[in-house]
Amino acid sequence: MKERGQWNKSFVPPKLTPVKYLDKLNLLDKDTLLIHVIHVSEEDLNILKRTNVKICVCPRSNIYTGVGIPHIDKFYQVGIDVCLGTDSLASNETLSIWEEMKIISSFYPSIPLNELLKMATYNGAKALQFNDLGAIAPGYKVNFIGVEIIGYLSDDAEVVLEKLINQKKEIKYR
């Protein structure tokens, strides 16, 4: 910031976590989308829940940059909506939400696979305020992709989700 002439010499570090600082500035509410959110305290979690923020995690980017893994399990346990992102190709090999779901599943096997799918679809649409996208339901726009599953297709939705999330993907554009 100094090199760009943007440093404010009067700024005094607040000696607060980023979440507490944003809360002190009254910047956290239902329309706030926080990205990454790696290092949070229990008090931060309470603030995030109270303010009803949305969180977008990019776990493979966080692994690539070495900053740690987001505590998605804690967000999920306290009822904070989480959606998935990839960050960018500057800190990720691909922009695959499927791969984000796979890595979350490997780190947090206690999170149900249907919740991972919800993070990748419904929660993402809601975080971006697309209230008529992200679900196959009355009143929602038709906006989905087809996925070919090679091999035996089970009647068990959990088995299908496990295959969708963990199998290698080949992207075909038509």
Protein backbone atom coordinates (compact mmCIF):
# COMPACT_ATOMS: atom_id res chain seq x y z
CA MET A 1 0.00 0.00 0.00
CA LYS A 2 2.92 2.33 0.71
CA GLU A 3 4.37 1.67 -2.76
CA ARG A 4 1.04 2.64 -4.32
CA GLY A 5 0.66 5.75 -2.20
CA GLN A 6 -2.43 4.32 -0.51
CA TRP A 7 -1.16 3.84 3.04
CA ASN A 8 -3.07 5.81 5.66
CA LYS A 9 -0.42 6.88 8.20
CA SER A 10 -3.07 7.48 10.84
CA PHE A 11 -4.31 3.87 10.74
CA VAL A 12 -3.80 2.04 14.03
CA PRO A 13 -4.22 -1.75 13.91
CA PRO A 14 -7.37 -2.55 15.91
CA LYS A 15 -5.87 -5.56 17.73
CA LEU A 16 -9.02 -7.55 16.90
CA THR A 17 -9.69 -10.58 14.78
CA PRO A 18 -10.91 -9.67 11.28
CA VAL A 19 -14.41 -10.86 12.19
CA LYS A 20 -14.52 -8.75 15.37
CA TYR A 21 -13.15 -5.74 13.47
CA LEU A 22 -15.78 -6.04 10.72
CA ASP A 23 -18.47 -6.46 13.38
CA LYS A 24 -17.23 -3.36 15.22
CA LEU A 25 -17.56 -1.43 11.93
CA ASN A 26 -21.13 -2.78 11.53
CA LEU A 27 -20.25 -4.39 8.20
CA LEU A 28 -21.63 -7.85 8.93
CA ASP A 29 -25.23 -8.68 8.03
CA LYS A 30 -27.36 -11.04 5.94
CA ASP A 31 -26.06 -9.43 2.73
CA THR A 32 -22.38 -9.93 3.62
CA LEU A 33 -20.42 -12.61 1.80
CA LEU A 34 -17.09 -13.45 3.44
CA ILE A 35 -14.51 -15.37 1.42
CA HIS A 36 -12.07 -17.96 2.83
CA VAL A 37 -12.63 -17.35 6.60
CA ILE A 38 -9.79 -19.61 7.73
CA HIS A 39 -8.83 -18.53 11.23
CA VAL A 40 -11.83 -17.95 13.49
CA SER A 41 -12.33 -18.15 17.23
CA GLU A 42 -15.43 -19.42 19.04
CA GLU A 43 -16.39 -15.79 19.62
CA ASP A 44 -15.99 -15.13 15.89
CA LEU A 45 -18.30 -18.07 15.13
CA ASN A 46 -20.93 -16.58 17.43
CA ILE A 47 -20.63 -13.21 15.69
CA LEU A 48 -20.89 -14.83 12.25
CA LYS A 49 -23.99 -16.75 13.31
CA ARG A 50 -25.61 -13.72 14.99
CA THR A 51 -25.05 -11.49 11.96
CA ASN A 52 -26.33 -14.14 9.52
CA VAL A 53 -23.43 -13.70 7.08
CA LYS A 54 -22.76 -16.04 4.19
CA ILE A 55 -19.36 -17.71 3.85
CA CYS A 56 -17.67 -18.91 0.67
CA VAL A 57 -14.81 -21.34 1.21
CA CYS A 58 -12.14 -22.27 -1.32
CA PRO A 59 -10.31 -25.15 0.41
CA ARG A 60 -8.02 -26.22 -2.45
CA SER A 61 -6.84 -22.62 -2.86
CA ASN A 62 -6.18 -22.46 0.88
CA ILE A 63 -4.15 -25.68 0.71
CA TYR A 64 -2.20 -24.35 -2.29
CA THR A 65 -1.33 -21.10 -0.53
CA GLY A 66 -0.63 -22.84 2.78
CA VAL A 67 -2.98 -20.78 4.94
CA GLY A 68 -4.91 -23.72 6.34
CA ILE A 69 -8.24 -25.44 5.89
CA PRO A 70 -11.49 -23.59 6.65
CA HIS A 71 -13.40 -25.02 9.61
CA ILE A 72 -16.39 -25.98 7.52
CA ASP A 73 -17.46 -28.51 10.14
CA LYS A 74 -17.78 -25.74 12.75
CA PHE A 75 -19.69 -23.47 10.36
CA TYR A 76 -22.02 -26.35 9.55
CA GLN A 77 -22.49 -27.28 13.23
CA VAL A 78 -23.52 -23.75 14.26
CA GLY A 79 -25.80 -23.32 11.24
CA ILE A 80 -23.84 -20.81 9.16
CA ASP A 81 -24.55 -21.06 5.42
CA VAL A 82 -21.43 -22.05 3.51
CA CYS A 83 -21.01 -22.08 -0.24
CA LEU A 84 -18.10 -23.26 -2.36
CA GLY A 85 -15.71 -21.34 -4.55
CA THR A 86 -12.42 -22.07 -6.26
CA ASP A 87 -10.70 -18.67 -5.90
CA SER A 88 -8.87 -18.55 -9.24
CA LEU A 89 -6.32 -20.36 -11.36
CA ALA A 90 -3.65 -18.29 -9.61
CA SER A 91 -4.09 -20.52 -6.55
CA ASN A 92 -5.79 -23.61 -7.92
CA GLU A 93 -5.18 -26.20 -10.64
CA THR A 94 -8.79 -26.18 -11.87
CA LEU A 95 -12.00 -24.29 -11.27
CA SER A 96 -13.92 -27.45 -10.38
CA ILE A 97 -16.54 -27.27 -7.67
CA TRP A 98 -16.59 -31.08 -7.81
CA GLU A 99 -12.96 -31.11 -6.66
CA GLU A 100 -13.82 -28.68 -3.85
CA MET A 101 -16.56 -31.05 -2.69
CA LYS A 102 -14.14 -33.98 -2.87
CA ILE A 103 -11.50 -32.25 -0.72
CA ILE A 104 -14.09 -31.17 1.85
CA SER A 105 -15.42 -34.72 1.99
CA SER A 106 -11.91 -36.04 2.63
CA PHE A 107 -11.22 -33.54 5.45
CA TYR A 108 -14.71 -33.56 6.96
CA PRO A 109 -16.34 -36.96 6.36
CA SER A 110 -18.92 -36.17 9.05
CA ILE A 111 -20.55 -33.55 6.81
CA PRO A 112 -23.31 -35.34 4.87
CA LEU A 113 -22.74 -35.50 1.12
CA ASN A 114 -26.15 -33.94 0.45
CA GLU A 115 -24.96 -30.91 2.45
CA LEU A 116 -21.87 -30.67 0.22
CA LEU A 117 -24.13 -30.66 -2.83
CA LYS A 118 -26.25 -27.96 -1.18
CA MET A 119 -23.09 -25.89 -0.54
CA ALA A 120 -22.20 -26.23 -4.23
CA THR A 121 -25.64 -25.29 -5.55
CA TYR A 122 -28.39 -23.82 -3.37
CA ASN A 123 -26.15 -22.02 -0.85
CA GLY A 124 -24.02 -20.53 -3.63
CA ALA A 125 -27.08 -19.18 -5.42
CA LYS A 126 -28.44 -17.70 -2.18
CA ALA A 127 -25.08 -16.14 -1.26
CA LEU A 128 -25.09 -14.34 -4.61
CA GLN A 129 -28.76 -13.40 -4.08
CA PHE A 130 -30.05 -15.52 -6.97
CA ASN A 131 -33.18 -16.52 -5.11
CA ASP A 132 -34.71 -18.44 -8.01
CA LEU A 133 -31.66 -20.61 -8.76
CA GLY A 134 -29.86 -23.44 -7.04
CA ALA A 135 -32.68 -25.94 -6.63
CA ILE A 136 -34.98 -28.08 -8.70
CA ALA A 137 -38.24 -26.88 -7.22
CA PRO A 138 -41.41 -24.97 -8.15
CA GLY A 139 -40.66 -21.32 -8.88
CA TYR A 140 -36.97 -21.95 -9.63
CA LYS A 141 -35.44 -21.34 -13.05
CA VAL A 142 -34.22 -24.38 -14.90
CA ASN A 143 -30.45 -24.06 -14.76
CA PHE A 144 -28.55 -27.28 -14.27
CA ILE A 145 -25.98 -29.51 -15.88
CA GLY A 146 -26.21 -33.11 -16.93
CA VAL A 147 -23.72 -35.54 -15.47
CA GLU A 148 -23.08 -38.93 -17.00
CA ILE A 149 -22.42 -41.65 -14.47
CA ILE A 150 -20.52 -44.56 -15.95
CA GLY A 151 -21.17 -47.92 -14.39
CA TYR A 152 -23.87 -49.16 -12.07
CA LEU A 153 -26.29 -46.50 -10.88
CA SER A 154 -27.58 -47.24 -7.40
CA ASP A 155 -31.05 -46.53 -6.09
CA ASP A 156 -29.37 -45.19 -2.94
CA ALA A 157 -28.99 -41.39 -3.24
CA GLU A 158 -26.02 -41.41 -0.86
CA VAL A 159 -24.14 -43.87 -3.10
CA VAL A 160 -24.90 -41.75 -6.17
CA LEU A 161 -23.64 -38.60 -4.42
CA GLU A 162 -20.48 -40.40 -3.29
CA LYS A 163 -19.79 -41.44 -6.90
CA LEU A 164 -20.53 -37.96 -8.23
CA ILE A 165 -18.22 -36.33 -5.74
CA ASN A 166 -15.35 -38.80 -5.71
CA GLN A 167 -15.08 -40.12 -9.27
CA LYS A 168 -12.67 -38.56 -11.74
CA LYS A 169 -14.44 -36.10 -14.02
CA GLU A 170 -14.07 -35.55 -17.74
CA ILE A 171 -15.53 -32.25 -18.90
CA LYS A 172 -17.19 -32.28 -22.32
CA TYR A 173 -18.54 -29.11 -23.87
CA ARG A 174 -21.32 -29.41 -26.43
